[in-house]
C-alpha cells in the first residue's frame, strides 16, 4: 500500500509541477499579448512618446527664456529712447 501511495503522490507532484510550468508559460503569453495590444492602441491613438514630449518641453522652455530676455532688451531700449 505504501508503494502505491508513494507512486500516487509522485505522479500528483509531477502533474502539479507540469501544471505550474504551463501556468507560468500562459502568464507570459498573456502579458506579451496585453502589452502588444496596449502598444497598438497607443500607436493608433497617436500618443506622443515620452522622449519626444521631453524634447518639445525643453524647446518650449528655451523659447520662453529667450522671449523673456528679448522682452527685457526691448524694455531697456524703450527706456533709453524715452518711449512708453
PDB file of N, CA and C in Angstrom:
ATOM      1  N   UNK A   1       0.818  -1.201   0.000  1.00  0.00           N
ATOM      2  CA  UNK A   1       0.000   0.000   0.000  1.00  0.00           C
ATOM      3  C   UNK A   1       0.861   1.265   0.000  1.00  0.00           C
ATOM      4  N   UNK A   2       1.973   1.291   0.753  1.00  0.00           N
ATOM      5  CA  UNK A   2       2.811   2.480   0.799  1.00  0.00           C
ATOM      6  C   UNK A   2       3.458   2.745  -0.540  1.00  0.00           C
ATOM      7  N   UNK A   3       3.771   1.680  -1.280  1.00  0.00           N
ATOM      8  CA  UNK A   3       4.365   1.876  -2.596  1.00  0.00           C
ATOM      9  C   UNK A   3       3.338   2.501  -3.539  1.00  0.00           C
ATOM     10  N   UNK A   4       2.101   2.121  -3.428  1.00  0.00           N
ATOM     11  CA  UNK A   4       1.036   2.684  -4.240  1.00  0.00           C
ATOM     12  C   UNK A   4       0.835   4.151  -3.878  1.00  0.00           C
ATOM     13  N   UNK A   5       0.850   4.436  -2.573  1.00  0.00           N
ATOM     14  CA  UNK A   5       0.697   5.821  -2.127  1.00  0.00           C
ATOM     15  C   UNK A   5       1.844   6.689  -2.622  1.00  0.00           C
ATOM     16  N   UNK A   6       3.092   6.165  -2.526  1.00  0.00           N
ATOM     17  CA  UNK A   6       4.249   6.928  -2.994  1.00  0.00           C
ATOM     18  C   UNK A   6       4.139   7.201  -4.487  1.00  0.00           C
ATOM     19  N   UNK A   7       3.741   6.209  -5.248  1.00  0.00           N
ATOM     20  CA  UNK A   7       3.617   6.392  -6.690  1.00  0.00           C
ATOM     21  C   UNK A   7       2.525   7.419  -7.001  1.00  0.00           C
ATOM     22  N   UNK A   8       1.423   7.313  -6.271  1.00  0.00           N
ATOM     23  CA  UNK A   8       0.332   8.263  -6.460  1.00  0.00           C
ATOM     24  C   UNK A   8       0.805   9.694  -6.178  1.00  0.00           C
ATOM     25  N   UNK A   9       1.503   9.887  -5.062  1.00  0.00           N
ATOM     26  CA  UNK A   9       1.989  11.216  -4.701  1.00  0.00           C
ATOM     27  C   UNK A   9       3.066  11.708  -5.666  1.00  0.00           C
ATOM     28  N   UNK A  10       3.909  10.787  -6.143  1.00  0.00           N
ATOM     29  CA  UNK A  10       4.916  11.166  -7.137  1.00  0.00           C
ATOM     30  C   UNK A  10       4.246  11.659  -8.414  1.00  0.00           C
ATOM     31  N   UNK A  11       3.247  10.939  -8.872  1.00  0.00           N
ATOM     32  CA  UNK A  11       2.515  11.336 -10.074  1.00  0.00           C
ATOM     33  C   UNK A  11       1.778  12.660  -9.852  1.00  0.00           C
ATOM     34  N   UNK A  12       1.194  12.823  -8.665  1.00  0.00           N
ATOM     35  CA  UNK A  12       0.497  14.057  -8.329  1.00  0.00           C
ATOM     36  C   UNK A  12       1.473  15.238  -8.305  1.00  0.00           C
ATOM     37  N   UNK A  13       2.641  15.035  -7.723  1.00  0.00           N
ATOM     38  CA  UNK A  13       3.655  16.088  -7.672  1.00  0.00           C
ATOM     39  C   UNK A  13       4.115  16.446  -9.083  1.00  0.00           C
ATOM     40  N   UNK A  14       4.314  15.439  -9.922  1.00  0.00           N
ATOM     41  CA  UNK A  14       4.728  15.684 -11.304  1.00  0.00           C
ATOM     42  C   UNK A  14       3.654  16.464 -12.050  1.00  0.00           C
ATOM     43  N   UNK A  15       2.406  16.083 -11.850  1.00  0.00           N
ATOM     44  CA  UNK A  15       1.295  16.766 -12.501  1.00  0.00           C
ATOM     45  C   UNK A  15       1.219  18.222 -12.042  1.00  0.00           C
ATOM     46  N   UNK A  16       1.399  18.459 -10.754  1.00  0.00           N
ATOM     47  CA  UNK A  16       1.354  19.826 -10.235  1.00  0.00           C
ATOM     48  C   UNK A  16       2.519  20.663 -10.770  1.00  0.00           C
ATOM     49  N   UNK A  17       3.699  20.062 -10.873  1.00  0.00           N
ATOM     50  CA  UNK A  17       4.862  20.763 -11.422  1.00  0.00           C
ATOM     51  C   UNK A  17       4.615  21.129 -12.881  1.00  0.00           C
ATOM     52  N   UNK A  18       4.099  20.175 -13.648  1.00  0.00           N
ATOM     53  CA  UNK A  18       3.792  20.451 -15.055  1.00  0.00           C
ATOM     54  C   UNK A  18       2.728  21.538 -15.191  1.00  0.00           C
ATOM     55  N   UNK A  19       1.730  21.492 -14.317  1.00  0.00           N
ATOM     56  CA  UNK A  19       0.665  22.490 -14.353  1.00  0.00           C
ATOM     57  C   UNK A  19       1.212  23.872 -14.012  1.00  0.00           C
ATOM     58  N   UNK A  20       2.096  23.944 -13.027  1.00  0.00           N
ATOM     59  CA  UNK A  20       2.695  25.230 -12.656  1.00  0.00           C
ATOM     60  C   UNK A  20       3.524  25.784 -13.815  1.00  0.00           C
ATOM     61  N   UNK A  21       4.270  24.933 -14.500  1.00  0.00           N
ATOM     62  CA  UNK A  21       5.056  25.366 -15.653  1.00  0.00           C
ATOM     63  C   UNK A  21       4.170  25.863 -16.777  1.00  0.00           C
ATOM     64  N   UNK A  22       3.082  25.147 -17.018  1.00  0.00           N
ATOM     65  CA  UNK A  22       2.149  25.565 -18.067  1.00  0.00           C
ATOM     66  C   UNK A  22       1.492  26.888 -17.703  1.00  0.00           C
ATOM     67  N   UNK A  23       1.139  27.051 -16.435  1.00  0.00           N
ATOM     68  CA  UNK A  23       0.518  28.299 -15.992  1.00  0.00           C
ATOM     69  C   UNK A  23       1.486  29.467 -16.149  1.00  0.00           C
ATOM     70  N   UNK A  24       2.752  29.244 -15.847  1.00  0.00           N
ATOM     71  CA  UNK A  24       3.745  30.306 -15.993  1.00  0.00           C
ATOM     72  C   UNK A  24       3.915  30.676 -17.465  1.00  0.00           C
ATOM     73  N   UNK A  25       3.943  29.669 -18.334  1.00  0.00           N
ATOM     74  CA  UNK A  25       4.036  29.941 -19.771  1.00  0.00           C
ATOM     75  C   UNK A  25       2.815  30.707 -20.267  1.00  0.00           C
ATOM     76  N   UNK A  26       1.651  30.326 -19.782  1.00  0.00           N
ATOM     77  CA  UNK A  26       0.415  31.003 -20.167  1.00  0.00           C
ATOM     78  C   UNK A  26       0.414  32.456 -19.675  1.00  0.00           C
ATOM     79  N   UNK A  27       0.930  32.682 -18.482  1.00  0.00           N
ATOM     80  CA  UNK A  27       1.020  34.038 -17.937  1.00  0.00           C
ATOM     81  C   UNK A  27       1.924  34.901 -18.816  1.00  0.00           C
ATOM     82  N   UNK A  28       3.073  34.351 -19.236  1.00  0.00           N
ATOM     83  CA  UNK A  28       3.987  35.107 -20.095  1.00  0.00           C
ATOM     84  C   UNK A  28       3.326  35.436 -21.433  1.00  0.00           C
ATOM     85  N   UNK A  29       2.618  34.467 -21.995  1.00  0.00           N
ATOM     86  CA  UNK A  29       1.920  34.715 -23.256  1.00  0.00           C
ATOM     87  C   UNK A  29       0.862  35.800 -23.098  1.00  0.00           C
ATOM     88  N   UNK A  30       0.124  35.744 -22.002  1.00  0.00           N
ATOM     89  CA  UNK A  30      -0.915  36.748 -21.756  1.00  0.00           C
ATOM     90  C   UNK A  30      -0.291  38.131 -21.584  1.00  0.00           C
ATOM     91  N   UNK A  31       0.816  38.223 -20.848  1.00  0.00           N
ATOM     92  CA  UNK A  31       1.486  39.513 -20.669  1.00  0.00           C
ATOM     93  C   UNK A  31       1.963  40.069 -22.006  1.00  0.00           C
ATOM     94  N   UNK A  32       2.546  39.220 -22.824  1.00  0.00           N
ATOM     95  CA  UNK A  32       3.028  39.641 -24.145  1.00  0.00           C
ATOM     96  C   UNK A  32       1.874  40.122 -25.003  1.00  0.00           C
ATOM     97  N   UNK A  33       0.757  39.391 -24.961  1.00  0.00           N
ATOM     98  CA  UNK A  33      -0.409  39.765 -25.749  1.00  0.00           C
ATOM     99  C   UNK A  33      -0.969  41.112 -25.296  1.00  0.00           C
ATOM    100  N   UNK A  34      -1.128  41.274 -23.987  1.00  0.00           N
ATOM    101  CA  UNK A  34      -1.690  42.521 -23.450  1.00  0.00           C
ATOM    102  C   UNK A  34      -0.759  43.694 -23.748  1.00  0.00           C
ATOM    103  N   UNK A  35       0.533  43.490 -23.586  1.00  0.00           N
ATOM    104  CA  UNK A  35       1.494  44.558 -23.874  1.00  0.00           C
ATOM    105  C   UNK A  35       1.418  44.947 -25.358  1.00  0.00           C
ATOM    106  N   UNK A  36       1.364  43.959 -26.229  1.00  0.00           N
ATOM    107  CA  UNK A  36       1.260  44.228 -27.668  1.00  0.00           C
ATOM    108  C   UNK A  36      -0.012  44.978 -28.018  1.00  0.00           C
ATOM    109  N   UNK A  37      -1.117  44.573 -27.424  1.00  0.00           N
ATOM    110  CA  UNK A  37      -2.388  45.250 -27.674  1.00  0.00           C
ATOM    111  C   UNK A  37      -2.349  46.685 -27.154  1.00  0.00           C
ATOM    112  N   UNK A  38      -1.770  46.864 -25.970  1.00  0.00           N
ATOM    113  CA  UNK A  38      -1.664  48.208 -25.396  1.00  0.00           C
ATOM    114  C   UNK A  38      -0.824  49.120 -26.275  1.00  0.00           C
ATOM    115  N   UNK A  39       0.298  48.597 -26.758  1.00  0.00           N
ATOM    116  CA  UNK A  39       1.154  49.390 -27.645  1.00  0.00           C
ATOM    117  C   UNK A  39       0.423  49.736 -28.936  1.00  0.00           C
ATOM    118  N   UNK A  40      -0.335  48.780 -29.455  1.00  0.00           N
ATOM    119  CA  UNK A  40      -1.080  49.020 -30.696  1.00  0.00           C
ATOM    120  C   UNK A  40      -2.128  50.113 -30.481  1.00  0.00           C
ATOM    121  N   UNK A  41      -2.839  50.051 -29.371  1.00  0.00           N
ATOM    122  CA  UNK A  41      -3.864  51.057 -29.071  1.00  0.00           C
ATOM    123  C   UNK A  41      -3.233  52.437 -28.947  1.00  0.00           C
ATOM    124  N   UNK A  42      -2.112  52.516 -28.220  1.00  0.00           N
ATOM    125  CA  UNK A  42      -1.445  53.806 -28.059  1.00  0.00           C
ATOM    126  C   UNK A  42      -0.921  54.334 -29.401  1.00  0.00           C
ATOM    127  N   UNK A  43      -0.404  53.439 -30.219  1.00  0.00           N
ATOM    128  CA  UNK A  43       0.084  53.848 -31.539  1.00  0.00           C
ATOM    129  C   UNK A  43      -1.070  54.348 -32.401  1.00  0.00           C
ATOM    130  N   UNK A  44      -2.197  53.659 -32.348  1.00  0.00           N
ATOM    131  CA  UNK A  44      -3.373  54.077 -33.120  1.00  0.00           C
ATOM    132  C   UNK A  44      -3.930  55.406 -32.619  1.00  0.00           C
ATOM    133  N   UNK A  45      -3.779  55.685 -31.324  1.00  0.00           N
ATOM    134  CA  UNK A  45      -4.263  56.937 -30.754  1.00  0.00           C
ATOM    135  C   UNK A  45      -3.293  58.081 -31.038  1.00  0.00           C
ATOM    136  N   UNK A  46      -2.146  57.758 -31.609  1.00  0.00           N
ATOM    137  CA  UNK A  46      -1.126  58.747 -31.943  1.00  0.00           C
ATOM    138  C   UNK A  46      -0.662  59.498 -30.694  1.00  0.00           C
ATOM    139  N   UNK A  47      -0.397  58.744 -29.625  1.00  0.00           N
ATOM    140  CA  UNK A  47       0.078  59.306 -28.366  1.00  0.00           C
ATOM    141  C   UNK A  47       1.574  59.597 -28.495  1.00  0.00           C
ATOM    142  N   UNK A  48       1.991  60.722 -27.950  1.00  0.00           N
ATOM    143  CA  UNK A  48       3.388  61.143 -28.038  1.00  0.00           C
ATOM    144  C   UNK A  48       4.251  60.282 -27.130  1.00  0.00           C
ATOM    145  N   UNK A  49       5.419  59.909 -27.632  1.00  0.00           N
ATOM    146  CA  UNK A  49       6.383  59.159 -26.829  1.00  0.00           C
ATOM    147  C   UNK A  49       6.985  60.076 -25.773  1.00  0.00           C
ATOM    148  N   UNK A  50       7.430  59.518 -24.675  1.00  0.00           N
ATOM    149  CA  UNK A  50       7.958  60.288 -23.549  1.00  0.00           C
ATOM    150  C   UNK A  50       9.165  61.129 -23.975  1.00  0.00           C
ATOM    151  N   UNK A  51      10.103  60.542 -24.724  1.00  0.00           N
ATOM    152  CA  UNK A  51      11.300  61.282 -25.109  1.00  0.00           C
ATOM    153  C   UNK A  51      10.972  62.436 -26.050  1.00  0.00           C
ATOM    154  N   UNK A  52       9.983  62.247 -26.924  1.00  0.00           N
ATOM    155  CA  UNK A  52       9.559  63.335 -27.813  1.00  0.00           C
ATOM    156  C   UNK A  52       8.926  64.471 -26.998  1.00  0.00           C
ATOM    157  N   UNK A  53       8.123  64.101 -26.015  1.00  0.00           N
ATOM    158  CA  UNK A  53       7.492  65.093 -25.146  1.00  0.00           C
ATOM    159  C   UNK A  53       8.549  65.909 -24.403  1.00  0.00           C
ATOM    160  N   UNK A  54       9.542  65.222 -23.857  1.00  0.00           N
ATOM    161  CA  UNK A  54      10.591  65.906 -23.107  1.00  0.00           C
ATOM    162  C   UNK A  54      11.383  66.846 -24.015  1.00  0.00           C
ATOM    163  N   UNK A  55      11.627  66.435 -25.265  1.00  0.00           N
ATOM    164  CA  UNK A  55      12.368  67.289 -26.203  1.00  0.00           C
ATOM    165  C   UNK A  55      11.578  68.563 -26.514  1.00  0.00           C
ATOM    166  N   UNK A  56      10.287  68.413 -26.775  1.00  0.00           N
ATOM    167  CA  UNK A  56       9.452  69.584 -27.074  1.00  0.00           C
ATOM    168  C   UNK A  56       9.321  70.477 -25.839  1.00  0.00           C
ATOM    169  N   UNK A  57       9.227  69.871 -24.680  1.00  0.00           N
ATOM    170  CA  UNK A  57       9.145  70.633 -23.438  1.00  0.00           C
ATOM    171  C   UNK A  57      10.409  71.479 -23.243  1.00  0.00           C
ATOM    172  N   UNK A  58      11.571  70.903 -23.510  1.00  0.00           N
ATOM    173  CA  UNK A  58      12.832  71.633 -23.380  1.00  0.00           C
ATOM    174  C   UNK A  58      12.900  72.771 -24.390  1.00  0.00           C
ATOM    175  N   UNK A  59      12.424  72.523 -25.616  1.00  0.00           N
ATOM    176  CA  UNK A  59      12.418  73.566 -26.639  1.00  0.00           C
ATOM    177  C   UNK A  59      11.501  74.714 -26.220  1.00  0.00           C
ATOM    178  N   UNK A  60      10.347  74.403 -25.673  1.00  0.00           N
ATOM    179  CA  UNK A  60       9.404  75.433 -25.238  1.00  0.00           C
ATOM    180  C   UNK A  60      10.000  76.254 -24.094  1.00  0.00           C
ATOM    181  N   UNK A  61      10.671  75.578 -23.161  1.00  0.00           N
ATOM    182  CA  UNK A  61      11.301  76.281 -22.042  1.00  0.00           C
ATOM    183  C   UNK A  61      12.375  77.243 -22.556  1.00  0.00           C
ATOM    184  N   UNK A  62      13.188  76.769 -23.502  1.00  0.00           N
ATOM    185  CA  UNK A  62      14.235  77.626 -24.060  1.00  0.00           C
ATOM    186  C   UNK A  62      13.616  78.825 -24.790  1.00  0.00           C
ATOM    187  N   UNK A  63      12.548  78.589 -25.546  1.00  0.00           N
ATOM    188  CA  UNK A  63      11.877  79.676 -26.264  1.00  0.00           C
ATOM    189  C   UNK A  63      11.307  80.701 -25.283  1.00  0.00           C
ATOM    190  N   UNK A  64      10.733  80.222 -24.174  1.00  0.00           N
ATOM    191  CA  UNK A  64      10.208  81.125 -23.156  1.00  0.00           C
ATOM    192  C   UNK A  64      11.318  81.991 -22.561  1.00  0.00           C
ATOM    193  N   UNK A  65      12.449  81.367 -22.265  1.00  0.00           N
ATOM    194  CA  UNK A  65      13.575  82.111 -21.693  1.00  0.00           C
ATOM    195  C   UNK A  65      14.095  83.149 -22.684  1.00  0.00           C
ATOM    196  N   UNK A  66      14.207  82.759 -23.965  1.00  0.00           N
ATOM    197  CA  UNK A  66      14.659  83.706 -24.989  1.00  0.00           C
ATOM    198  C   UNK A  66      13.662  84.851 -25.147  1.00  0.00           C
ATOM    199  N   UNK A  67      12.387  84.535 -25.089  1.00  0.00           N
ATOM    200  CA  UNK A  67      11.345  85.553 -25.197  1.00  0.00           C
ATOM    201  C   UNK A  67      11.429  86.543 -24.033  1.00  0.00           C
ATOM    202  N   UNK A  68      11.624  86.024 -22.828  1.00  0.00           N
ATOM    203  CA  UNK A  68      11.762  86.901 -21.659  1.00  0.00           C
ATOM    204  C   UNK A  68      12.982  87.806 -21.801  1.00  0.00           C
ATOM    205  N   UNK A  69      14.077  87.243 -22.284  1.00  0.00           N
ATOM    206  CA  UNK A  69      15.300  88.031 -22.471  1.00  0.00           C
ATOM    207  C   UNK A  69      15.086  89.122 -23.517  1.00  0.00           C
ATOM    208  N   UNK A  70      14.431  88.789 -24.612  1.00  0.00           N
ATOM    209  CA  UNK A  70      14.151  89.789 -25.646  1.00  0.00           C
ATOM    210  C   UNK A  70      13.217  90.879 -25.128  1.00  0.00           C
ATOM    211  N   UNK A  71      12.236  90.501 -24.329  1.00  0.00           N
ATOM    212  CA  UNK A  71      11.330  91.479 -23.742  1.00  0.00           C
ATOM    213  C   UNK A  71      12.092  92.467 -22.856  1.00  0.00           C
ATOM    214  N   UNK A  72      13.038  91.954 -22.068  1.00  0.00           N
ATOM    215  CA  UNK A  72      13.853  92.831 -21.225  1.00  0.00           C
ATOM    216  C   UNK A  72      14.689  93.783 -22.087  1.00  0.00           C
ATOM    217  N   UNK A  73      15.246  93.281 -23.173  1.00  0.00           N
ATOM    218  CA  UNK A  73      16.051  94.140 -24.050  1.00  0.00           C
ATOM    219  C   UNK A  73      15.190  95.227 -24.699  1.00  0.00           C
ATOM    220  N   UNK A  74      13.972  94.860 -25.112  1.00  0.00           N
ATOM    221  CA  UNK A  74      13.068  95.849 -25.715  1.00  0.00           C
ATOM    222  C   UNK A  74      12.711  96.925 -24.699  1.00  0.00           C
ATOM    223  N   UNK A  75      12.401  96.493 -23.477  1.00  0.00           N
ATOM    224  CA  UNK A  75      12.059  97.460 -22.428  1.00  0.00           C
ATOM    225  C   UNK A  75      13.235  98.388 -22.138  1.00  0.00           C
ATOM    226  N   UNK A  76      14.448  97.849 -22.133  1.00  0.00           N
ATOM    227  CA  UNK A  76      15.633  98.681 -21.882  1.00  0.00           C
ATOM    228  C   UNK A  76      15.840  99.682 -23.017  1.00  0.00           C
ATOM    229  N   UNK A  77      15.646  99.234 -24.258  1.00  0.00           N
ATOM    230  CA  UNK A  77      15.784 100.142 -25.414  1.00  0.00           C
ATOM    231  C   UNK A  77      14.725 101.238 -25.390  1.00  0.00           C
ATOM    232  N   UNK A  78      13.477 100.851 -25.043  1.00  0.00           N
ATOM    233  CA  UNK A  78      12.414 101.842 -24.974  1.00  0.00           C
ATOM    234  C   UNK A  78      12.705 102.852 -23.868  1.00  0.00           C
ATOM    235  N   UNK A  79      13.248 102.396 -22.764  1.00  0.00           N
ATOM    236  CA  UNK A  79      13.571 103.314 -21.660  1.00  0.00           C
ATOM    237  C   UNK A  79      14.657 104.286 -22.086  1.00  0.00           C
ATOM    238  N   UNK A  80      15.647 103.796 -22.840  1.00  0.00           N
ATOM    239  CA  UNK A  80      16.724 104.683 -23.319  1.00  0.00           C
ATOM    240  C   UNK A  80      16.210 105.686 -24.329  1.00  0.00           C
ATOM    241  N   UNK A  81      15.206 105.288 -25.118  1.00  0.00           N
ATOM    242  CA  UNK A  81      14.655 106.197 -26.134  1.00  0.00           C
ATOM    243  C   UNK A  81      13.563 107.089 -25.572  1.00  0.00           C
ATOM    244  N   UNK A  82      13.156 106.835 -24.354  1.00  0.00           N
ATOM    245  CA  UNK A  82      12.122 107.662 -23.735  1.00  0.00           C
ATOM    246  C   UNK A  82      10.733 107.226 -24.151  1.00  0.00           C
ATOM    247  N   UNK A  83      10.592 106.004 -24.653  1.00  0.00           N
ATOM    248  CA  UNK A  83       9.273 105.514 -25.062  1.00  0.00           C
ATOM    249  C   UNK A  83       8.490 104.990 -23.890  1.00  0.00           C
ATOM    250  N   UNK A  84       7.283 104.549 -24.164  1.00  0.00           N
ATOM    251  CA  UNK A  84       6.411 104.035 -23.101  1.00  0.00           C
ATOM    252  C   UNK A  84       6.947 102.754 -22.630  1.00  0.00           C
TER     253      UNK A  84
END
